[in-house]
Each structure stands twice: as structure tokens, then as C-alpha cells.
């Protein structure tokens, strides 16, 4: 199994690409967009079929990045705010 650090190296930030948002391997695939697809019910396989230049490790890197961003932070969300 690859280390989380190696996986996270697939996530890049460049002010000239997607306004500096985190993207996959300097491509114009923002991490947040991939996470939205997953949250919407698309599988990793669905995403890979749609975007032929992505790899499974790219999707896993998005998940690892999201985990890293929320790790150790606690927020309270009221139930009616979840779907707003």
C-alpha cells in the first residue's frame, strides 16, 4: 500500500490553474469537483470512465486530501444545514 504522503503528491496547487484551487496532477480537475461526483453517488469507476486521463490513485488522493483537511477539526452542523 502506498503511503498517504505519496498519494497526496498527486494533489497540486498552482495559482495559474483553476484559480489556485487544489487539483489533480496540475490538470484542470479540482479536488472539490471529484469529491462532488463521489458525494453524488458516482463510483470511482464511473469517474474514470468519464475522465480517461485520470487514474484510480488520483481519486484516492482526493479522498486522502479531504481527510487531511478535516482531520482534527470538529464542526457542528445542524441537520437542516446539511442539504442547503
PDB file of N, CA and C in Angstrom:
ATOM      1  N   UNK A   1       0.842  -1.186   0.000  1.00  0.00           N
ATOM      2  CA  UNK A   1       0.000   0.000   0.000  1.00  0.00           C
ATOM      3  C   UNK A   1       0.883   1.243   0.000  1.00  0.00           C
ATOM      4  N   UNK A   2       0.525   2.184  -0.840  1.00  0.00           N
ATOM      5  CA  UNK A   2       1.307   3.414  -0.922  1.00  0.00           C
ATOM      6  C   UNK A   2       1.038   4.273   0.307  1.00  0.00           C
ATOM      7  N   UNK A   3       2.048   5.031   0.696  1.00  0.00           N
ATOM      8  CA  UNK A   3       1.859   5.900   1.849  1.00  0.00           C
ATOM      9  C   UNK A   3       0.961   7.069   1.469  1.00  0.00           C
ATOM     10  N   UNK A   4       0.305   7.624   2.487  1.00  0.00           N
ATOM     11  CA  UNK A   4      -0.584   8.749   2.253  1.00  0.00           C
ATOM     12  C   UNK A   4       0.180   9.939   1.677  1.00  0.00           C
ATOM     13  N   UNK A   5       1.440  10.108   2.108  1.00  0.00           N
ATOM     14  CA  UNK A   5       2.239  11.215   1.600  1.00  0.00           C
ATOM     15  C   UNK A   5       2.431  11.090   0.096  1.00  0.00           C
ATOM     16  N   UNK A   6       2.774   9.898  -0.388  1.00  0.00           N
ATOM     17  CA  UNK A   6       2.952   9.699  -1.825  1.00  0.00           C
ATOM     18  C   UNK A   6       1.663   9.960  -2.593  1.00  0.00           C
ATOM     19  N   UNK A   7       0.556   9.501  -2.054  1.00  0.00           N
ATOM     20  CA  UNK A   7      -0.734   9.722  -2.702  1.00  0.00           C
ATOM     21  C   UNK A   7      -1.027  11.217  -2.770  1.00  0.00           C
ATOM     22  N   UNK A   8      -0.755  11.921  -1.694  1.00  0.00           N
ATOM     23  CA  UNK A   8      -1.043  13.360  -1.662  1.00  0.00           C
ATOM     24  C   UNK A   8      -0.186  14.162  -2.628  1.00  0.00           C
ATOM     25  N   UNK A   9       0.924  13.603  -3.082  1.00  0.00           N
ATOM     26  CA  UNK A   9       1.750  14.303  -4.061  1.00  0.00           C
ATOM     27  C   UNK A   9       1.028  14.473  -5.390  1.00  0.00           C
ATOM     28  N   UNK A  10      -0.037  13.742  -5.600  1.00  0.00           N
ATOM     29  CA  UNK A  10      -0.847  13.894  -6.814  1.00  0.00           C
ATOM     30  C   UNK A  10      -1.695  15.161  -6.772  1.00  0.00           C
ATOM     31  N   UNK A  11      -1.875  15.729  -5.605  1.00  0.00           N
ATOM     32  CA  UNK A  11      -2.672  16.951  -5.462  1.00  0.00           C
ATOM     33  C   UNK A  11      -1.727  18.144  -5.542  1.00  0.00           C
ATOM     34  N   UNK A  12      -2.016  19.043  -6.473  1.00  0.00           N
ATOM     35  CA  UNK A  12      -1.146  20.201  -6.683  1.00  0.00           C
ATOM     36  C   UNK A  12      -1.949  21.487  -6.588  1.00  0.00           C
ATOM     37  N   UNK A  13      -1.244  22.552  -6.268  1.00  0.00           N
ATOM     38  CA  UNK A  13      -1.847  23.877  -6.205  1.00  0.00           C
ATOM     39  C   UNK A  13      -0.963  24.813  -7.020  1.00  0.00           C
ATOM     40  N   UNK A  14      -1.567  25.451  -7.999  1.00  0.00           N
ATOM     41  CA  UNK A  14      -0.855  26.361  -8.879  1.00  0.00           C
ATOM     42  C   UNK A  14      -1.771  27.547  -9.128  1.00  0.00           C
ATOM     43  N   UNK A  15      -1.325  28.767  -8.824  1.00  0.00           N
ATOM     44  CA  UNK A  15      -2.200  29.929  -8.994  1.00  0.00           C
ATOM     45  C   UNK A  15      -2.679  30.124 -10.435  1.00  0.00           C
ATOM     46  N   UNK A  16      -2.002  29.521 -11.399  1.00  0.00           N
ATOM     47  CA  UNK A  16      -2.390  29.659 -12.799  1.00  0.00           C
ATOM     48  C   UNK A  16      -3.378  28.594 -13.269  1.00  0.00           C
ATOM     49  N   UNK A  17      -3.689  27.646 -12.398  1.00  0.00           N
ATOM     50  CA  UNK A  17      -4.623  26.572 -12.754  1.00  0.00           C
ATOM     51  C   UNK A  17      -5.803  26.599 -11.791  1.00  0.00           C
ATOM     52  N   UNK A  18      -6.993  26.768 -12.343  1.00  0.00           N
ATOM     53  CA  UNK A  18      -8.245  26.761 -11.552  1.00  0.00           C
ATOM     54  C   UNK A  18      -8.182  27.729 -10.374  1.00  0.00           C
ATOM     55  N   UNK A  19      -7.621  28.899 -10.607  1.00  0.00           N
ATOM     56  CA  UNK A  19      -7.565  29.961  -9.592  1.00  0.00           C
ATOM     57  C   UNK A  19      -6.879  29.521  -8.305  1.00  0.00           C
ATOM     58  N   UNK A  20      -5.937  28.605  -8.417  1.00  0.00           N
ATOM     59  CA  UNK A  20      -5.175  28.178  -7.250  1.00  0.00           C
ATOM     60  C   UNK A  20      -5.855  27.136  -6.383  1.00  0.00           C
ATOM     61  N   UNK A  21      -6.972  26.594  -6.848  1.00  0.00           N
ATOM     62  CA  UNK A  21      -7.629  25.533  -6.082  1.00  0.00           C
ATOM     63  C   UNK A  21      -6.807  24.251  -6.197  1.00  0.00           C
ATOM     64  N   UNK A  22      -6.890  23.378  -5.203  1.00  0.00           N
ATOM     65  CA  UNK A  22      -6.201  22.084  -5.299  1.00  0.00           C
ATOM     66  C   UNK A  22      -6.760  21.278  -6.471  1.00  0.00           C
ATOM     67  N   UNK A  23      -5.869  20.766  -7.308  1.00  0.00           N
ATOM     68  CA  UNK A  23      -6.258  19.989  -8.484  1.00  0.00           C
ATOM     69  C   UNK A  23      -5.446  18.697  -8.534  1.00  0.00           C
ATOM     70  N   UNK A  24      -5.807  17.832  -9.448  1.00  0.00           N
ATOM     71  CA  UNK A  24      -5.100  16.571  -9.634  1.00  0.00           C
ATOM     72  C   UNK A  24      -3.979  16.763 -10.650  1.00  0.00           C
ATOM     73  N   UNK A  25      -2.748  16.500 -10.237  1.00  0.00           N
ATOM     74  CA  UNK A  25      -1.563  16.484 -11.100  1.00  0.00           C
ATOM     75  C   UNK A  25      -1.482  17.648 -12.081  1.00  0.00           C
ATOM     76  N   UNK A  26      -1.750  18.846 -11.596  1.00  0.00           N
ATOM     77  CA  UNK A  26      -1.698  20.057 -12.425  1.00  0.00           C
ATOM     78  C   UNK A  26      -2.640  20.016 -13.618  1.00  0.00           C
ATOM     79  N   UNK A  27      -3.618  19.130 -13.577  1.00  0.00           N
ATOM     80  CA  UNK A  27      -4.658  19.102 -14.604  1.00  0.00           C
ATOM     81  C   UNK A  27      -5.799  19.978 -14.113  1.00  0.00           C
ATOM     82  N   UNK A  28      -6.726  20.233 -14.930  1.00  0.00           N
ATOM     83  CA  UNK A  28      -7.840  21.100 -14.554  1.00  0.00           C
ATOM     84  C   UNK A  28      -9.012  20.308 -13.960  1.00  0.00           C
ATOM     85  N   UNK A  29      -8.672  19.421 -13.043  1.00  0.00           N
ATOM     86  CA  UNK A  29      -9.679  18.656 -12.303  1.00  0.00           C
ATOM     87  C   UNK A  29      -9.577  19.041 -10.835  1.00  0.00           C
ATOM     88  N   UNK A  30     -10.396  19.994 -10.385  1.00  0.00           N
ATOM     89  CA  UNK A  30     -10.338  20.372  -8.971  1.00  0.00           C
ATOM     90  C   UNK A  30     -10.735  19.208  -8.059  1.00  0.00           C
ATOM     91  N   UNK A  31     -10.058  19.109  -6.952  1.00  0.00           N
ATOM     92  CA  UNK A  31     -10.369  18.090  -5.951  1.00  0.00           C
ATOM     93  C   UNK A  31     -11.841  18.179  -5.570  1.00  0.00           C
ATOM     94  N   UNK A  32     -12.333  19.394  -5.366  1.00  0.00           N
ATOM     95  CA  UNK A  32     -13.721  19.551  -4.924  1.00  0.00           C
ATOM     96  C   UNK A  32     -14.705  18.985  -5.938  1.00  0.00           C
ATOM     97  N   UNK A  33     -14.402  19.067  -7.212  1.00  0.00           N
ATOM     98  CA  UNK A  33     -15.289  18.528  -8.240  1.00  0.00           C
ATOM     99  C   UNK A  33     -15.352  17.006  -8.158  1.00  0.00           C
ATOM    100  N   UNK A  34     -14.206  16.381  -7.987  1.00  0.00           N
ATOM    101  CA  UNK A  34     -14.179  14.915  -7.868  1.00  0.00           C
ATOM    102  C   UNK A  34     -14.936  14.478  -6.615  1.00  0.00           C
ATOM    103  N   UNK A  35     -14.752  15.214  -5.524  1.00  0.00           N
ATOM    104  CA  UNK A  35     -15.477  14.881  -4.292  1.00  0.00           C
ATOM    105  C   UNK A  35     -16.981  15.052  -4.474  1.00  0.00           C
ATOM    106  N   UNK A  36     -17.391  16.063  -5.243  1.00  0.00           N
ATOM    107  CA  UNK A  36     -18.822  16.253  -5.517  1.00  0.00           C
ATOM    108  C   UNK A  36     -19.393  15.080  -6.311  1.00  0.00           C
ATOM    109  N   UNK A  37     -18.625  14.587  -7.279  1.00  0.00           N
ATOM    110  CA  UNK A  37     -19.076  13.403  -8.024  1.00  0.00           C
ATOM    111  C   UNK A  37     -19.259  12.215  -7.077  1.00  0.00           C
ATOM    112  N   UNK A  38     -18.280  11.991  -6.214  1.00  0.00           N
ATOM    113  CA  UNK A  38     -18.378  10.875  -5.269  1.00  0.00           C
ATOM    114  C   UNK A  38     -19.555  11.058  -4.322  1.00  0.00           C
ATOM    115  N   UNK A  39     -19.728  12.273  -3.818  1.00  0.00           N
ATOM    116  CA  UNK A  39     -20.844  12.554  -2.906  1.00  0.00           C
ATOM    117  C   UNK A  39     -22.188  12.394  -3.601  1.00  0.00           C
ATOM    118  N   UNK A  40     -22.205  12.627  -4.894  1.00  0.00           N
ATOM    119  CA  UNK A  40     -23.431  12.481  -5.669  1.00  0.00           C
ATOM    120  C   UNK A  40     -23.761  11.042  -6.027  1.00  0.00           C
ATOM    121  N   UNK A  41     -22.876  10.116  -5.667  1.00  0.00           N
ATOM    122  CA  UNK A  41     -23.160   8.707  -5.884  1.00  0.00           C
ATOM    123  C   UNK A  41     -22.359   8.050  -6.989  1.00  0.00           C
ATOM    124  N   UNK A  42     -21.549   8.819  -7.700  1.00  0.00           N
ATOM    125  CA  UNK A  42     -20.715   8.205  -8.731  1.00  0.00           C
ATOM    126  C   UNK A  42     -19.638   7.351  -8.081  1.00  0.00           C
ATOM    127  N   UNK A  43     -19.325   6.242  -8.698  1.00  0.00           N
ATOM    128  CA  UNK A  43     -18.256   5.383  -8.198  1.00  0.00           C
ATOM    129  C   UNK A  43     -16.927   5.840  -8.790  1.00  0.00           C
ATOM    130  N   UNK A  44     -15.860   5.312  -8.243  1.00  0.00           N
ATOM    131  CA  UNK A  44     -14.537   5.604  -8.802  1.00  0.00           C
ATOM    132  C   UNK A  44     -14.511   5.161 -10.263  1.00  0.00           C
ATOM    133  N   UNK A  45     -15.085   4.025 -10.548  1.00  0.00           N
ATOM    134  CA  UNK A  45     -15.109   3.512 -11.920  1.00  0.00           C
ATOM    135  C   UNK A  45     -15.873   4.451 -12.846  1.00  0.00           C
ATOM    136  N   UNK A  46     -16.997   5.014 -12.360  1.00  0.00           N
ATOM    137  CA  UNK A  46     -17.763   5.979 -13.163  1.00  0.00           C
ATOM    138  C   UNK A  46     -16.908   7.183 -13.530  1.00  0.00           C
ATOM    139  N   UNK A  47     -16.183   7.697 -12.558  1.00  0.00           N
ATOM    140  CA  UNK A  47     -15.345   8.873 -12.781  1.00  0.00           C
ATOM    141  C   UNK A  47     -14.222   8.554 -13.759  1.00  0.00           C
ATOM    142  N   UNK A  48     -13.621   7.392 -13.611  1.00  0.00           N
ATOM    143  CA  UNK A  48     -12.535   7.005 -14.509  1.00  0.00           C
ATOM    144  C   UNK A  48     -13.018   6.830 -15.946  1.00  0.00           C
ATOM    145  N   UNK A  49     -14.236   6.345 -16.125  1.00  0.00           N
ATOM    146  CA  UNK A  49     -14.804   6.219 -17.470  1.00  0.00           C
ATOM    147  C   UNK A  49     -15.051   7.597 -18.078  1.00  0.00           C
ATOM    148  N   UNK A  50     -15.514   8.520 -17.258  1.00  0.00           N
ATOM    149  CA  UNK A  50     -15.831   9.878 -17.729  1.00  0.00           C
ATOM    150  C   UNK A  50     -14.578  10.675 -18.067  1.00  0.00           C
ATOM    151  N   UNK A  51     -13.536  10.505 -17.280  1.00  0.00           N
ATOM    152  CA  UNK A  51     -12.303  11.280 -17.447  1.00  0.00           C
ATOM    153  C   UNK A  51     -11.147  10.308 -17.662  1.00  0.00           C
ATOM    154  N   UNK A  52     -10.897   9.961 -18.911  1.00  0.00           N
ATOM    155  CA  UNK A  52      -9.959   8.919 -19.275  1.00  0.00           C
ATOM    156  C   UNK A  52      -8.516   9.160 -18.877  1.00  0.00           C
ATOM    157  N   UNK A  53      -8.151  10.402 -18.603  1.00  0.00           N
ATOM    158  CA  UNK A  53      -6.756  10.672 -18.231  1.00  0.00           C
ATOM    159  C   UNK A  53      -6.520  10.641 -16.728  1.00  0.00           C
ATOM    160  N   UNK A  54      -7.559  10.304 -15.954  1.00  0.00           N
ATOM    161  CA  UNK A  54      -7.378  10.150 -14.515  1.00  0.00           C
ATOM    162  C   UNK A  54      -7.103   8.687 -14.188  1.00  0.00           C
ATOM    163  N   UNK A  55      -6.491   8.490 -13.038  1.00  0.00           N
ATOM    164  CA  UNK A  55      -6.177   7.147 -12.551  1.00  0.00           C
ATOM    165  C   UNK A  55      -6.847   6.946 -11.193  1.00  0.00           C
ATOM    166  N   UNK A  56      -7.031   5.699 -10.821  1.00  0.00           N
ATOM    167  CA  UNK A  56      -7.659   5.389  -9.532  1.00  0.00           C
ATOM    168  C   UNK A  56      -6.935   6.097  -8.393  1.00  0.00           C
ATOM    169  N   UNK A  57      -5.619   6.145  -8.451  1.00  0.00           N
ATOM    170  CA  UNK A  57      -4.834   6.800  -7.404  1.00  0.00           C
ATOM    171  C   UNK A  57      -5.153   8.289  -7.295  1.00  0.00           C
ATOM    172  N   UNK A  58      -5.567   8.914  -8.411  1.00  0.00           N
ATOM    173  CA  UNK A  58      -5.962  10.326  -8.372  1.00  0.00           C
ATOM    174  C   UNK A  58      -7.207  10.517  -7.517  1.00  0.00           C
ATOM    175  N   UNK A  59      -8.164   9.624  -7.687  1.00  0.00           N
ATOM    176  CA  UNK A  59      -9.406   9.714  -6.916  1.00  0.00           C
ATOM    177  C   UNK A  59      -9.121   9.447  -5.443  1.00  0.00           C
ATOM    178  N   UNK A  60      -8.296   8.444  -5.181  1.00  0.00           N
ATOM    179  CA  UNK A  60      -7.925   8.158  -3.796  1.00  0.00           C
ATOM    180  C   UNK A  60      -7.163   9.327  -3.182  1.00  0.00           C
ATOM    181  N   UNK A  61      -6.380  10.017  -3.984  1.00  0.00           N
ATOM    182  CA  UNK A  61      -5.659  11.194  -3.491  1.00  0.00           C
ATOM    183  C   UNK A  61      -6.637  12.298  -3.095  1.00  0.00           C
ATOM    184  N   UNK A  62      -7.715  12.453  -3.852  1.00  0.00           N
ATOM    185  CA  UNK A  62      -8.731  13.445  -3.487  1.00  0.00           C
ATOM    186  C   UNK A  62      -9.348  13.119  -2.133  1.00  0.00           C
ATOM    187  N   UNK A  63      -9.644  11.849  -1.919  1.00  0.00           N
ATOM    188  CA  UNK A  63     -10.204  11.427  -0.629  1.00  0.00           C
ATOM    189  C   UNK A  63      -9.204  11.627   0.500  1.00  0.00           C
ATOM    190  N   UNK A  64      -7.949  11.298   0.248  1.00  0.00           N
ATOM    191  CA  UNK A  64      -6.910  11.493   1.268  1.00  0.00           C
ATOM    192  C   UNK A  64      -6.739  12.968   1.580  1.00  0.00           C
ATOM    193  N   UNK A  65      -6.799  13.809   0.555  1.00  0.00           N
ATOM    194  CA  UNK A  65      -6.673  15.251   0.746  1.00  0.00           C
ATOM    195  C   UNK A  65      -7.825  15.785   1.601  1.00  0.00           C
ATOM    196  N   UNK A  66      -9.032  15.361   1.279  1.00  0.00           N
ATOM    197  CA  UNK A  66     -10.197  15.802   2.052  1.00  0.00           C
ATOM    198  C   UNK A  66     -10.080  15.351   3.503  1.00  0.00           C
ATOM    199  N   UNK A  67      -9.639  14.130   3.707  1.00  0.00           N
ATOM    200  CA  UNK A  67      -9.447  13.617   5.064  1.00  0.00           C
ATOM    201  C   UNK A  67      -8.432  14.460   5.817  1.00  0.00           C
ATOM    202  N   UNK A  68      -7.337  14.772   5.158  1.00  0.00           N
ATOM    203  CA  UNK A  68      -6.282  15.579   5.782  1.00  0.00           C
ATOM    204  C   UNK A  68      -6.806  16.963   6.162  1.00  0.00           C
ATOM    205  N   UNK A  69      -7.654  17.527   5.319  1.00  0.00           N
ATOM    206  CA  UNK A  69      -8.165  18.876   5.563  1.00  0.00           C
ATOM    207  C   UNK A  69      -9.113  18.931   6.764  1.00  0.00           C
ATOM    208  N   UNK A  70      -9.839  17.859   7.011  1.00  0.00           N
ATOM    209  CA  UNK A  70     -10.793  17.897   8.127  1.00  0.00           C
ATOM    210  C   UNK A  70     -10.287  17.183   9.370  1.00  0.00           C
ATOM    211  N   UNK A  71      -9.177  16.523   9.254  1.00  0.00           N
ATOM    212  CA  UNK A  71      -8.633  15.760  10.372  1.00  0.00           C
ATOM    213  C   UNK A  71      -8.368  16.670  11.570  1.00  0.00           C
ATOM    214  N   UNK A  72      -8.906  16.273  12.692  1.00  0.00           N
ATOM    215  CA  UNK A  72      -8.642  17.014  13.918  1.00  0.00           C
ATOM    216  C   UNK A  72      -9.484  18.259  14.108  1.00  0.00           C
ATOM    217  N   UNK A  73     -10.347  18.556  13.141  1.00  0.00           N
ATOM    218  CA  UNK A  73     -11.210  19.717  13.271  1.00  0.00           C
ATOM    219  C   UNK A  73     -12.632  19.243  13.496  1.00  0.00           C
ATOM    220  N   UNK A  74     -13.268  19.821  14.449  1.00  0.00           N
ATOM    221  CA  UNK A  74     -14.639  19.450  14.752  1.00  0.00           C
ATOM    222  C   UNK A  74     -15.545  20.630  14.441  1.00  0.00           C
ATOM    223  N   UNK A  75     -16.593  20.375  13.686  1.00  0.00           N
ATOM    224  CA  UNK A  75     -17.564  21.420  13.408  1.00  0.00           C
ATOM    225  C   UNK A  75     -18.940  20.877  13.737  1.00  0.00           C
ATOM    226  N   UNK A  76     -19.814  21.761  14.098  1.00  0.00           N
ATOM    227  CA  UNK A  76     -21.181  21.361  14.385  1.00  0.00           C
ATOM    228  C   UNK A  76     -22.063  21.853  13.248  1.00  0.00           C
ATOM    229  N   UNK A  77     -22.862  20.933  12.740  1.00  0.00           N
ATOM    230  CA  UNK A  77     -23.782  21.257  11.659  1.00  0.00           C
ATOM    231  C   UNK A  77     -25.168  20.836  12.106  1.00  0.00           C
ATOM    232  N   UNK A  78     -26.085  21.782  12.028  1.00  0.00           N
ATOM    233  CA  UNK A  78     -27.468  21.426  12.330  1.00  0.00           C
ATOM    234  C   UNK A  78     -28.016  20.619  11.170  1.00  0.00           C
ATOM    235  N   UNK A  79     -28.911  19.703  11.472  1.00  0.00           N
ATOM    236  CA  UNK A  79     -29.420  18.787  10.461  1.00  0.00           C
ATOM    237  C   UNK A  79     -29.973  19.508   9.242  1.00  0.00           C
ATOM    238  N   UNK A  80     -30.670  20.627   9.433  1.00  0.00           N
ATOM    239  CA  UNK A  80     -31.257  21.323   8.286  1.00  0.00           C
ATOM    240  C   UNK A  80     -30.218  22.053   7.450  1.00  0.00           C
ATOM    241  N   UNK A  81     -28.975  22.155   7.891  1.00  0.00           N
ATOM    242  CA  UNK A  81     -27.927  22.817   7.121  1.00  0.00           C
ATOM    243  C   UNK A  81     -27.169  21.847   6.219  1.00  0.00           C
ATOM    244  N   UNK A  82     -27.342  20.568   6.430  1.00  0.00           N
ATOM    245  CA  UNK A  82     -26.578  19.573   5.685  1.00  0.00           C
ATOM    246  C   UNK A  82     -26.895  19.640   4.195  1.00  0.00           C
ATOM    247  N   UNK A  83     -28.145  19.856   3.844  1.00  0.00           N
ATOM    248  CA  UNK A  83     -28.552  19.809   2.449  1.00  0.00           C
ATOM    249  C   UNK A  83     -28.814  21.173   1.857  1.00  0.00           C
ATOM    250  N   UNK A  84     -28.321  22.219   2.499  1.00  0.00           N
ATOM    251  CA  UNK A  84     -28.597  23.554   1.955  1.00  0.00           C
ATOM    252  C   UNK A  84     -27.621  23.931   0.877  1.00  0.00           C
TER     253      UNK A  84
END
